[in-house]
Amino acid sequence: MTATIQWRGNWEEAAAEAKKANLPLLLELYLEGCPHCQRLDRETHGDAAVAMALNARFIPVRLEGRSHMELVQKLGVRGAPTTLIFTPEGKELRRFAGFLPPQEYLQEIEKAP
């Protein structure tokens, strides 16, 4: 059985959950129809090791950028997909953009303090 990432679909609720659970928040902003976003979701998010790491260490949130333009602008996101990692209190720790294969994605999330 493959692991599935337990994506949250509501930024405010996820932020509150992260604070309560004292876990960092991982936000992925994607665009519907974006080939790099689709590849990241299919190849990287579909990887069991990535799914297990995200579910165990973060409160993961995945939002479609055009539907959340206020958040995209507030965070200064310029491309898709963009992955951002925040402290439980909401301070940005790290961001990386574009498609990364599973091993590189895992290395990037490991860099978050």
Protein backbone atom coordinates (compact mmCIF):
# COMPACT_ATOMS: atom_id res chain seq x y z
CA MET A 1 0.00 0.00 0.00
CA THR A 2 1.32 3.42 -0.88
CA ALA A 3 1.24 6.26 1.57
CA THR A 4 -0.87 9.30 0.75
CA ILE A 5 -0.14 12.83 1.89
CA GLN A 6 -2.86 14.12 4.21
CA TRP A 7 -3.19 17.50 2.48
CA ARG A 8 -5.23 20.16 4.20
CA GLY A 9 -7.24 22.44 1.92
CA ASN A 10 -7.76 25.41 4.24
CA TRP A 11 -4.84 27.72 5.09
CA GLU A 12 -6.31 29.24 8.26
CA GLU A 13 -7.40 25.90 9.73
CA ALA A 14 -4.02 24.32 8.90
CA ALA A 15 -2.17 27.25 10.51
CA ALA A 16 -4.23 26.80 13.68
CA GLU A 17 -3.62 23.03 13.61
CA ALA A 18 0.15 23.56 13.18
CA LYS A 19 0.27 25.90 16.15
CA LYS A 20 -1.78 23.54 18.33
CA ALA A 21 0.28 20.47 17.31
CA ASN A 22 3.55 22.47 17.42
CA LEU A 23 4.47 21.18 13.96
CA PRO A 24 5.84 23.18 11.03
CA LEU A 25 3.48 23.98 8.21
CA LEU A 26 4.34 22.98 4.64
CA LEU A 27 2.44 24.91 1.98
CA GLU A 28 2.47 23.98 -1.66
CA LEU A 29 1.02 26.45 -4.12
CA TYR A 30 0.27 24.99 -7.54
CA LEU A 31 -1.62 26.00 -10.68
CA GLU A 32 -4.27 23.84 -12.31
CA GLY A 33 -2.94 22.66 -15.67
CA CYS A 34 0.72 23.42 -14.83
CA PRO A 35 2.86 20.50 -16.13
CA HIS A 36 5.56 20.93 -13.45
CA CYS A 37 2.87 20.99 -10.74
CA GLN A 38 1.26 17.84 -12.11
CA ARG A 39 4.63 16.08 -12.29
CA LEU A 40 5.49 17.12 -8.71
CA ASP A 41 2.15 15.81 -7.49
CA ARG A 42 2.36 12.55 -9.45
CA GLU A 43 6.03 11.62 -9.09
CA THR A 44 7.17 13.29 -5.87
CA HIS A 45 4.03 13.49 -3.74
CA GLY A 46 3.15 9.98 -4.90
CA ASP A 47 6.42 8.66 -3.44
CA ALA A 48 5.87 6.73 -0.20
CA ALA A 49 8.95 8.19 1.55
CA VAL A 50 7.85 11.76 0.73
CA ALA A 51 4.30 11.09 1.90
CA MET A 52 5.49 9.55 5.16
CA ALA A 53 7.91 12.43 5.83
CA LEU A 54 5.30 15.11 5.17
CA ASN A 55 2.61 13.40 7.25
CA ALA A 56 4.95 12.74 10.18
CA ARG A 57 6.83 16.04 10.35
CA PHE A 58 4.50 18.72 8.97
CA ILE A 59 0.97 19.95 8.63
CA PRO A 60 0.84 19.82 4.80
CA VAL A 61 -1.40 22.23 2.87
CA ARG A 62 -1.86 22.22 -0.92
CA LEU A 63 -3.67 25.16 -2.53
CA GLU A 64 -4.39 26.19 -6.10
CA GLY A 65 -2.71 29.56 -6.55
CA ARG A 66 -5.34 31.28 -8.70
CA SER A 67 -7.96 30.45 -6.08
CA HIS A 68 -5.80 31.97 -3.33
CA MET A 69 -4.31 35.06 -5.00
CA GLU A 70 -4.40 37.07 -1.78
CA LEU A 71 -2.11 34.51 -0.10
CA VAL A 72 0.10 34.22 -3.21
CA GLN A 73 0.60 37.99 -3.26
CA LYS A 74 1.09 38.24 0.52
CA LEU A 75 3.84 35.60 0.36
CA GLY A 76 5.42 37.01 -2.80
CA VAL A 77 5.19 33.75 -4.71
CA ARG A 78 6.27 34.21 -8.34
CA GLY A 79 5.99 30.74 -9.86
CA ALA A 80 4.38 27.35 -9.57
CA PRO A 81 4.81 25.02 -7.98
CA THR A 82 6.29 26.72 -4.93
CA THR A 83 6.74 24.92 -1.62
CA LEU A 84 7.05 27.00 1.55
CA ILE A 85 7.83 25.82 5.07
CA PHE A 86 6.74 27.82 8.13
CA THR A 87 7.28 27.52 11.87
CA PRO A 88 4.19 26.58 13.91
CA GLU A 89 3.90 30.33 14.64
CA GLY A 90 3.82 31.18 10.93
CA LYS A 91 7.37 32.46 10.31
CA GLU A 92 8.73 31.41 6.91
CA LEU A 93 11.75 29.10 7.22
CA ARG A 94 12.36 27.95 3.67
CA ARG A 95 10.98 28.02 0.14
CA PHE A 96 11.81 26.22 -3.07
CA ALA A 97 10.16 26.28 -6.46
CA GLY A 98 9.67 23.94 -9.37
CA PHE A 99 9.66 20.21 -9.78
CA LEU A 100 12.04 18.19 -7.64
CA PRO A 101 12.32 14.39 -7.76
CA PRO A 102 11.54 12.60 -4.48
CA GLN A 103 15.13 12.38 -3.15
CA GLU A 104 15.86 16.06 -3.83
CA TYR A 105 12.49 17.08 -2.34
CA LEU A 106 13.31 15.14 0.83
CA GLN A 107 16.71 16.85 0.99
CA GLU A 108 15.05 20.27 0.69
CA ILE A 109 12.55 19.64 3.49
CA GLU A 110 15.40 18.34 5.67
CA LYS A 111 17.06 21.78 5.39
CA ALA A 112 14.20 23.42 7.27
CA PRO A 113 15.36 23.92 10.88
